[in-house]
Amino acid sequence: MLTDQFQFQAEAIIRIGGKVYAVFFDTNEDGTGNFPILALVDSMNFVKDPNAIEDLDEASFAAKYGYVFRGHEDLLVSEIPTLTSGQEVADYRSVMDIQEAKLDKQGKEEGMSWLLDRDVQTVFLAAVLTGQPVSVDDLDETQWYLSSTPEQRNVMAEFYGDYEAYEKKVTDNISSIRNELYKKEFTGDVNDLTRVLAYGVATNKYTPEQVDLYIDFIGDSTFLEVSGGEQMLPEELRPFVDQFETTLGQSTAKSYIETYVGPEGLAGFMEDGTLLRYASLISDGQEQRVKDELQGLHDNMFPAFKGSTYSTWNSYYSNRASKIINGTTGNQIVGLTAKQKGIVNDLIIEAAGNYQEFDKLIRKEYKDAPGVKNAILSGMLGRVPQAVSGVF
C-alpha cells in the first residue's frame, strides 16, 4: 500500500499492461456504486509491499470494479498531497484540486487557453472521472468556444485527436527556438522560456515572427524599453525579462538604425560590421553616442530632412507614392514592393522635400501604373461637357 504520509490510502494496488496503479474510490451519492480513480504509481518507492500488487487484465478489472478499464491514469501518485502534522485528512476533492491546478498551469505555460475557461475546466474535470475523451462539440456552449477562432479550436482538436503529431510539432519548435536563443547568446537555463514559446507557436497564439520579436525583447532590455516596455510582451512571458544575460545589443542597434536611416542602411551596416560596433557601444552604455552618429549620417544622406529621422518622413512619402501608383480603394493603401521602395526613396531625395515635384516625378516614373492611368482618364472625363458625357 502507499506510505502513511498520504492523506488517504488506496483501496488496492493493481498492475495492468505492465503499469502499476493505486485505486481510489469516488463514492457516488446516488447509490450507483464506487467509481474507481486510478493513480499511476510513478515510483515503486510509494509501494510498501510489492507482493500486494494484484495483476489484472481489462476483463478482470471490469469484473472486479464494475467499470471498463479506460487505459489511462487520472493522476500520478506523487501528485497526491501529503499529510502534515495537525492537518485534517482531506476528502476526495483534494484530487480534483490537483487536476484543476494542472489545467491552470497548462493553460498559462503551454498556451492552451481553453483550459483557463471555468466551463471548459468543468468538462475536462468530468472527463477525469468518466474517462470519456473531450471533443470540440462538448465545448460548443462554453465562452471559450464562442470567443475562439476556428484555428484555435483546430489546435484543441489536434491535441486530443493526434497527440503524437502535436507533440512532434512542439518538439520541433523547441529545437528551433533553443537554437535561436543560443545564436543570440542567451546564457542560463532557457528551458522554461523555450517551452512557453514553443507551445505558443503550436497553439497559434504566437506567429514565428512574433517569437523572434519576443526573443529580442527578452534578450535586450534596452530594446524592450524603447519599444514600449513589458506591456509589449504577453503576460506569460513577462517573468522572463531580466532573467538572462546576453552579450548582444543588436536588437536595440537594429531598431535605431532603421529609425534613423532606414532598412537599406541596416542591410549595409549588417554587412560591414557597423551593426556589431553599435551593439557593443549600446552594451557599454554609450547609447547616446550611437544616436548622435546615426543622426549625423541621416542628415548627410537626406539633407532636405535634416534634424528629422527616416521613420518620421519616409512613411508619408511612401504612402503618397502608393496612392499615385496603385490608386486607392477606400482608405486602404497598397504597400510598395522592395523594388518600388528603392526607386521611391531615390525620388524623395531628388524632390528635396517638395511634394509637388515628388508627385510629378512619381507620375513620370510610373506612367503605365494603373493608378496613374486611372487618374489621367478621370481627368479627361472630367473635362468632357455634361451634355456630351451623358451619351455614354
Protein backbone atom coordinates (compact mmCIF):
# COMPACT_ATOMS: atom_id res chain seq x y z
CA MET A 1 0.00 0.00 0.00
CA LEU A 2 1.02 3.67 -0.05
CA THR A 3 3.15 5.21 2.66
CA ASP A 4 1.36 6.51 5.76
CA GLN A 5 2.11 10.15 4.87
CA PHE A 6 -0.67 10.26 2.26
CA GLN A 7 -3.95 11.83 3.24
CA PHE A 8 -5.96 8.80 2.18
CA GLN A 9 -4.93 5.23 1.48
CA ALA A 10 -5.52 3.37 -1.75
CA GLU A 11 -8.11 0.60 -1.82
CA ALA A 12 -5.75 -1.58 -3.84
CA ILE A 13 -2.56 -1.62 -5.88
CA ILE A 14 -3.05 -3.22 -9.29
CA ARG A 15 -0.96 -3.84 -12.39
CA ILE A 16 -2.45 -3.79 -15.90
CA GLY A 17 -0.41 -3.89 -19.08
CA GLY A 18 2.83 -3.51 -17.15
CA LYS A 19 1.71 -0.31 -15.38
CA VAL A 20 1.07 -0.13 -11.65
CA TYR A 21 -1.90 1.87 -10.36
CA ALA A 22 -3.23 2.85 -6.95
CA VAL A 23 -7.02 2.52 -6.90
CA PHE A 24 -9.11 5.11 -5.04
CA PHE A 25 -12.91 5.17 -4.89
CA ASP A 26 -15.23 8.07 -5.60
CA THR A 27 -18.35 7.11 -3.64
CA ASN A 28 -21.41 8.20 -5.57
CA GLU A 29 -24.22 9.68 -3.51
CA ASP A 30 -26.90 8.39 -5.87
CA GLY A 31 -26.22 4.79 -4.88
CA THR A 32 -24.73 3.72 -8.21
CA GLY A 33 -21.60 2.42 -6.53
CA ASN A 34 -17.95 3.34 -6.21
CA PHE A 35 -16.21 4.79 -9.24
CA PRO A 36 -12.53 3.69 -9.43
CA ILE A 37 -9.99 6.52 -9.74
CA LEU A 38 -6.61 5.29 -10.99
CA ALA A 39 -3.40 6.98 -9.90
CA LEU A 40 -0.31 5.85 -11.78
CA VAL A 41 2.40 4.74 -9.36
CA ASP A 42 5.25 6.75 -10.86
CA SER A 43 7.78 5.43 -8.36
CA MET A 44 7.79 2.00 -6.73
CA ASN A 45 9.09 3.69 -3.58
CA PHE A 46 5.45 4.50 -2.87
CA VAL A 47 4.57 0.81 -2.59
CA LYS A 48 5.26 -0.69 0.84
CA ASP A 49 4.79 -4.31 -0.17
CA PRO A 50 5.37 -5.24 -3.84
CA ASN A 51 3.77 -8.60 -3.11
CA ALA A 52 0.49 -6.77 -2.55
CA ILE A 53 0.26 -5.77 -6.22
CA GLU A 54 -2.66 -7.53 -7.90
CA ASP A 55 -2.23 -8.40 -11.59
CA LEU A 56 -5.37 -7.84 -13.66
CA ASP A 57 -6.30 -7.64 -17.30
CA GLU A 58 -9.05 -5.42 -18.73
CA ALA A 59 -11.73 -8.10 -18.38
CA SER A 60 -10.90 -8.91 -14.75
CA PHE A 61 -10.71 -5.19 -13.92
CA ALA A 62 -14.24 -4.70 -15.26
CA ALA A 63 -15.49 -7.72 -13.35
CA LYS A 64 -13.87 -6.56 -10.09
CA TYR A 65 -14.81 -2.87 -10.18
CA GLY A 66 -17.90 -2.79 -12.39
CA TYR A 67 -16.38 -0.26 -14.81
CA VAL A 68 -14.46 -0.64 -18.05
CA PHE A 69 -10.69 -0.04 -17.75
CA ARG A 70 -10.11 3.25 -19.54
CA GLY A 71 -6.48 2.72 -20.43
CA HIS A 72 -5.08 5.88 -18.87
CA GLU A 73 -4.26 7.22 -15.43
CA ASP A 74 -6.22 10.04 -13.81
CA LEU A 75 -3.23 11.48 -11.93
CA LEU A 76 0.18 10.49 -10.55
CA VAL A 77 0.63 9.10 -7.05
CA SER A 78 3.41 11.63 -6.45
CA GLU A 79 0.89 14.44 -7.03
CA ILE A 80 -1.35 13.41 -4.14
CA PRO A 81 -0.82 15.93 -1.32
CA THR A 82 0.96 14.62 1.77
CA LEU A 83 -0.49 14.93 5.28
CA THR A 84 1.33 17.41 7.51
CA SER A 85 1.19 17.25 11.27
CA GLY A 86 -2.02 18.62 12.73
CA GLN A 87 -3.85 18.67 9.38
CA GLU A 88 -7.20 17.02 8.95
CA VAL A 89 -7.47 14.24 6.41
CA ALA A 90 -8.76 15.73 3.16
CA ASP A 91 -11.59 14.24 1.16
CA TYR A 92 -11.59 13.20 -2.46
CA ARG A 93 -11.83 16.84 -3.56
CA SER A 94 -8.07 17.06 -2.98
CA VAL A 95 -7.53 15.03 -6.14
CA MET A 96 -9.78 17.32 -8.14
CA ASP A 97 -7.92 20.38 -6.78
CA ILE A 98 -4.72 18.87 -8.13
CA GLN A 99 -6.27 18.30 -11.54
CA GLU A 100 -7.63 21.84 -11.64
CA ALA A 101 -4.22 23.27 -10.72
CA LYS A 102 -2.64 21.19 -13.50
CA LEU A 103 -5.14 22.57 -16.02
CA ASP A 104 -4.42 26.15 -14.92
CA LYS A 105 -0.67 25.59 -15.24
CA GLN A 106 -1.02 24.06 -18.69
CA GLY A 107 -3.28 26.88 -19.81
CA LYS A 108 -0.83 29.59 -18.75
CA GLU A 109 2.50 28.00 -19.65
CA GLU A 110 1.59 25.94 -22.69
CA GLY A 111 -0.74 28.35 -24.44
CA MET A 112 -3.81 26.13 -24.00
CA SER A 113 -6.24 28.98 -23.45
CA TRP A 114 -9.24 26.66 -23.47
CA LEU A 115 -8.07 25.25 -20.13
CA LEU A 116 -8.43 28.63 -18.40
CA ASP A 117 -12.17 28.86 -19.05
CA ARG A 118 -14.02 27.56 -15.98
CA ASP A 119 -16.81 25.99 -18.05
CA VAL A 120 -14.20 24.19 -20.11
CA GLN A 121 -12.43 23.04 -16.96
CA THR A 122 -15.70 21.56 -15.73
CA VAL A 123 -15.87 19.43 -18.88
CA PHE A 124 -12.27 18.30 -18.54
CA LEU A 125 -12.57 17.55 -14.84
CA ALA A 126 -15.63 15.47 -15.58
CA ALA A 127 -13.55 13.57 -18.10
CA VAL A 128 -11.11 12.69 -15.32
CA LEU A 129 -13.94 10.84 -13.61
CA THR A 130 -15.70 9.32 -16.62
CA GLY A 131 -12.72 8.55 -18.81
CA GLN A 132 -14.62 9.92 -21.83
CA PRO A 133 -12.37 11.92 -24.19
CA VAL A 134 -13.26 15.58 -24.67
CA SER A 135 -14.35 16.65 -28.15
CA VAL A 136 -14.80 20.13 -29.59
CA ASP A 137 -18.56 19.52 -29.65
CA ASP A 138 -18.54 19.07 -25.86
CA LEU A 139 -17.37 22.67 -25.54
CA ASP A 140 -19.64 24.40 -28.05
CA GLU A 141 -21.63 26.26 -25.38
CA THR A 142 -18.63 27.50 -23.38
CA GLN A 143 -17.43 31.08 -23.50
CA TRP A 144 -14.06 29.88 -24.82
CA TYR A 145 -15.69 28.19 -27.81
CA LEU A 146 -17.85 31.21 -28.60
CA SER A 147 -14.86 33.60 -28.48
CA SER A 148 -12.23 31.34 -30.08
CA THR A 149 -11.21 31.14 -33.73
CA PRO A 150 -11.56 28.02 -35.88
CA GLU A 151 -7.74 27.77 -35.84
CA GLN A 152 -7.69 27.70 -32.04
CA ARG A 153 -10.40 25.06 -31.96
CA ASN A 154 -8.46 23.02 -34.50
CA VAL A 155 -5.43 23.09 -32.18
CA MET A 156 -7.54 21.74 -29.36
CA ALA A 157 -8.92 19.01 -31.62
CA GLU A 158 -5.39 18.14 -32.77
CA PHE A 159 -4.18 18.00 -29.18
CA TYR A 160 -6.72 15.35 -28.31
CA GLY A 161 -7.15 13.73 -31.72
CA ASP A 162 -3.49 13.17 -32.63
CA TYR A 163 -1.39 13.94 -29.58
CA GLU A 164 1.77 12.40 -31.07
CA ALA A 165 1.64 14.76 -34.07
CA TYR A 166 1.00 17.68 -31.71
CA GLU A 167 3.96 16.75 -29.51
CA LYS A 168 6.16 16.32 -32.59
CA LYS A 169 5.29 19.87 -33.63
CA VAL A 170 6.10 21.16 -30.13
CA THR A 171 9.41 19.23 -30.07
CA ASP A 172 10.42 20.70 -33.44
CA ASN A 173 9.52 24.18 -32.20
CA ILE A 174 11.57 23.69 -29.03
CA SER A 175 14.62 22.66 -31.03
CA SER A 176 14.32 25.61 -33.41
CA ILE A 177 13.72 28.17 -30.65
CA ARG A 178 16.55 26.84 -28.49
CA ASN A 179 18.95 27.18 -31.44
CA GLU A 180 17.80 30.77 -31.92
CA LEU A 181 18.40 31.56 -28.24
CA TYR A 182 21.89 30.10 -28.42
CA LYS A 183 22.63 32.12 -31.57
CA LYS A 184 21.65 35.25 -29.68
CA GLU A 185 23.97 34.19 -26.87
CA PHE A 186 21.41 33.73 -24.10
CA THR A 187 23.15 32.41 -21.01
CA GLY A 188 21.49 30.42 -18.23
CA ASP A 189 18.65 27.92 -18.16
CA VAL A 190 16.43 28.67 -21.17
CA ASN A 191 14.24 25.56 -20.87
CA ASP A 192 11.17 27.25 -19.40
CA LEU A 193 11.30 30.14 -21.87
CA THR A 194 11.77 27.73 -24.77
CA ARG A 195 8.81 25.64 -23.70
CA VAL A 196 6.42 28.60 -23.33
CA LEU A 197 7.41 29.98 -26.74
CA ALA A 198 7.16 26.56 -28.39
CA TYR A 199 3.67 25.90 -27.04
CA GLY A 200 2.67 29.43 -28.03
CA VAL A 201 3.55 28.68 -31.65
CA ALA A 202 1.98 25.21 -31.57
CA THR A 203 -1.32 26.63 -30.31
CA ASN A 204 -1.31 29.52 -32.82
CA LYS A 205 -1.03 32.06 -30.02
CA TYR A 206 2.21 33.47 -31.47
CA THR A 207 3.40 33.63 -35.06
CA PRO A 208 7.06 32.70 -35.74
CA GLU A 209 7.70 36.39 -36.45
CA GLN A 210 6.30 37.34 -33.04
CA VAL A 211 8.52 34.75 -31.37
CA ASP A 212 11.59 36.38 -32.96
CA LEU A 213 10.46 39.78 -31.68
CA TYR A 214 9.71 38.45 -28.17
CA ILE A 215 13.16 36.86 -28.02
CA ASP A 216 14.70 40.22 -28.92
CA PHE A 217 12.64 41.95 -26.24
CA ILE A 218 13.61 39.43 -23.54
CA GLY A 219 17.27 39.32 -24.51
CA ASP A 220 17.75 43.07 -24.90
CA SER A 221 16.14 45.15 -22.13
CA THR A 222 17.10 48.43 -23.82
CA PHE A 223 15.24 47.39 -26.97
CA LEU A 224 12.21 46.41 -24.89
CA GLU A 225 12.27 49.75 -23.08
CA VAL A 226 12.46 51.89 -26.23
CA SER A 227 9.72 49.77 -27.80
CA GLY A 228 7.20 50.37 -25.03
CA GLY A 229 8.25 48.27 -22.04
CA GLU A 230 6.93 44.99 -20.65
CA GLN A 231 3.42 45.65 -21.95
CA MET A 232 4.78 44.70 -25.38
CA LEU A 233 5.10 41.11 -24.13
CA PRO A 234 2.28 38.63 -23.47
CA GLU A 235 1.67 38.24 -19.74
CA GLU A 236 3.15 34.73 -19.56
CA LEU A 237 6.48 35.97 -20.99
CA ARG A 238 6.96 38.96 -18.71
CA PRO A 239 8.54 36.94 -15.85
CA PHE A 240 11.45 36.14 -18.20
CA VAL A 241 12.50 39.80 -18.54
CA ASP A 242 15.95 40.42 -16.97
CA GLN A 243 16.43 36.68 -16.35
CA PHE A 244 19.11 36.24 -18.98
CA GLU A 245 22.40 37.89 -19.69
CA THR A 246 23.19 38.36 -23.36
CA THR A 247 26.31 39.86 -24.83
CA LEU A 248 24.40 41.30 -27.77
CA GLY A 249 22.71 44.70 -28.01
CA GLN A 250 21.88 44.04 -31.63
CA SER A 251 18.11 44.38 -31.29
CA THR A 252 18.44 47.94 -29.99
CA ALA A 253 21.05 48.76 -32.59
CA LYS A 254 18.82 47.46 -35.41
CA SER A 255 15.91 49.48 -34.09
CA TYR A 256 17.94 52.71 -34.03
CA ILE A 257 19.45 52.14 -37.48
CA GLU A 258 16.04 51.55 -39.06
CA THR A 259 14.62 54.58 -37.26
CA TYR A 260 17.36 56.99 -38.33
CA VAL A 261 18.49 55.77 -41.78
CA GLY A 262 16.02 53.06 -42.84
CA PRO A 263 16.14 49.34 -43.72
CA GLU A 264 18.54 49.91 -46.60
CA GLY A 265 21.04 51.37 -44.18
CA LEU A 266 20.53 48.43 -41.84
CA ALA A 267 21.33 45.95 -44.62
CA GLY A 268 24.60 47.73 -45.33
CA PHE A 269 25.56 48.04 -41.68
CA MET A 270 24.99 44.33 -41.13
CA GLU A 271 27.47 43.55 -43.89
CA ASP A 272 30.24 46.00 -42.95
CA GLY A 273 30.26 45.31 -39.20
CA THR A 274 28.76 48.66 -38.14
CA LEU A 275 25.80 46.87 -36.54
CA LEU A 276 28.09 44.92 -34.21
CA ARG A 277 30.02 48.08 -33.34
CA TYR A 278 26.81 49.89 -32.42
CA ALA A 279 25.62 46.89 -30.43
CA SER A 280 28.86 46.92 -28.47
CA LEU A 281 28.56 50.65 -27.76
CA ILE A 282 24.98 50.21 -26.54
CA SER A 283 26.02 47.33 -24.29
CA ASP A 284 28.69 49.63 -22.84
CA GLY A 285 26.11 52.30 -22.04
CA GLN A 286 27.01 54.61 -24.95
CA GLU A 287 23.50 54.71 -26.39
CA GLN A 288 23.51 58.49 -26.98
CA ARG A 289 26.75 58.26 -28.96
CA VAL A 290 25.06 55.80 -31.33
CA LYS A 291 22.06 58.10 -31.73
CA ASP A 292 24.23 61.13 -32.41
CA GLU A 293 26.27 59.27 -35.02
CA LEU A 294 23.15 57.98 -36.76
CA GLN A 295 21.59 61.46 -36.75
CA GLY A 296 24.68 62.80 -38.48
CA LEU A 297 24.53 60.03 -41.08
CA HIS A 298 20.85 60.72 -41.67
CA ASP A 299 21.41 64.45 -42.16
CA ASN A 300 24.17 63.78 -44.73
CA MET A 301 22.08 61.21 -46.60
CA PHE A 302 18.83 63.19 -46.55
CA PRO A 303 19.76 66.90 -46.26
CA ALA A 304 16.20 68.03 -47.10
CA PHE A 305 15.05 66.39 -43.84
CA LYS A 306 17.92 67.46 -41.63
CA GLY A 307 17.18 67.08 -37.93
CA SER A 308 14.41 64.55 -38.52
CA THR A 309 14.60 60.75 -38.85
CA TYR A 310 13.92 58.37 -41.73
CA SER A 311 10.98 56.77 -39.94
CA THR A 312 9.32 60.17 -39.41
CA TRP A 313 9.08 61.32 -43.02
CA ASN A 314 9.54 58.23 -45.19
CA SER A 315 6.23 56.54 -44.45
CA TYR A 316 4.35 59.67 -45.50
CA TYR A 317 6.12 59.84 -48.87
CA SER A 318 5.80 56.10 -49.42
CA ASN A 319 2.04 56.19 -48.81
CA ARG A 320 1.74 59.21 -51.09
CA ALA A 321 3.64 57.34 -53.82
CA SER A 322 1.48 54.23 -53.41
CA LYS A 323 -1.72 56.25 -53.85
CA ILE A 324 -0.37 57.67 -57.10
CA ILE A 325 0.95 54.34 -58.41
CA ASN A 326 -1.82 51.99 -57.32
CA GLY A 327 -4.78 54.28 -56.78
CA THR A 328 -6.92 53.91 -53.66
CA THR A 329 -9.83 51.73 -52.58
CA GLY A 330 -11.45 53.46 -49.64
CA ASN A 331 -8.72 54.17 -47.11
CA GLN A 332 -6.62 51.11 -47.97
CA ILE A 333 -3.05 51.78 -49.07
CA VAL A 334 -1.17 49.11 -51.01
CA GLY A 335 2.38 48.56 -49.74
CA LEU A 336 5.24 49.23 -52.14
CA THR A 337 7.35 46.35 -53.38
CA ALA A 338 11.02 46.25 -52.38
CA LYS A 339 12.00 47.42 -55.89
CA GLN A 340 9.45 50.25 -55.82
CA LYS A 341 10.63 51.26 -52.37
CA GLY A 342 14.20 51.74 -53.61
CA ILE A 343 13.09 53.84 -56.59
CA VAL A 344 10.72 55.93 -54.47
CA ASN A 345 13.48 56.65 -51.95
CA ASP A 346 15.69 57.96 -54.77
CA LEU A 347 12.85 60.18 -55.99
CA ILE A 348 12.28 61.51 -52.46
CA ILE A 349 15.89 62.67 -52.38
CA GLU A 350 15.63 64.12 -55.90
CA ALA A 351 12.48 66.09 -54.99
CA ALA A 352 14.32 67.56 -51.96
CA GLY A 353 11.18 67.53 -49.87
CA ASN A 354 8.98 69.32 -52.44
CA TYR A 355 5.61 67.50 -52.53
CA GLN A 356 4.55 68.76 -55.95
CA GLU A 357 7.91 67.88 -57.51
CA PHE A 358 7.77 64.45 -55.87
CA ASP A 359 4.29 63.74 -57.26
CA LYS A 360 5.45 64.80 -60.73
CA LEU A 361 8.49 62.51 -60.57
CA ILE A 362 6.37 59.53 -59.42
CA ARG A 363 3.84 60.00 -62.26
CA LYS A 364 6.69 60.23 -64.76
CA GLU A 365 8.47 57.12 -63.42
CA TYR A 366 5.26 55.07 -63.22
CA LYS A 367 3.32 56.45 -66.20
CA ASP A 368 1.95 52.97 -67.05
CA ALA A 369 0.84 52.16 -63.50
CA PRO A 370 -2.93 51.62 -63.00
CA GLY A 371 -3.27 54.49 -60.54
CA VAL A 372 -1.65 56.97 -62.93
CA LYS A 373 -3.70 55.76 -65.93
CA ASN A 374 -6.96 55.97 -63.98
CA ALA A 375 -6.11 59.47 -62.78
CA ILE A 376 -5.43 60.59 -66.37
CA LEU A 377 -8.70 59.02 -67.58
CA SER A 378 -10.69 60.62 -64.76
CA GLY A 379 -9.14 63.97 -65.60
CA MET A 380 -10.09 63.64 -69.25
CA LEU A 381 -13.68 62.65 -68.45
CA GLY A 382 -13.92 65.50 -66.00
CA ARG A 383 -13.25 67.94 -68.85
CA VAL A 384 -15.99 66.48 -71.15
CA PRO A 385 -19.12 68.71 -71.18
CA GLN A 386 -22.02 67.27 -69.13
CA ALA A 387 -24.38 67.14 -72.12
CA VAL A 388 -21.91 65.08 -74.12
CA SER A 389 -20.84 62.83 -71.28
CA GLY A 390 -24.47 61.82 -70.74
CA VAL A 391 -24.35 59.96 -74.04
CA PHE A 392 -22.01 57.40 -72.58
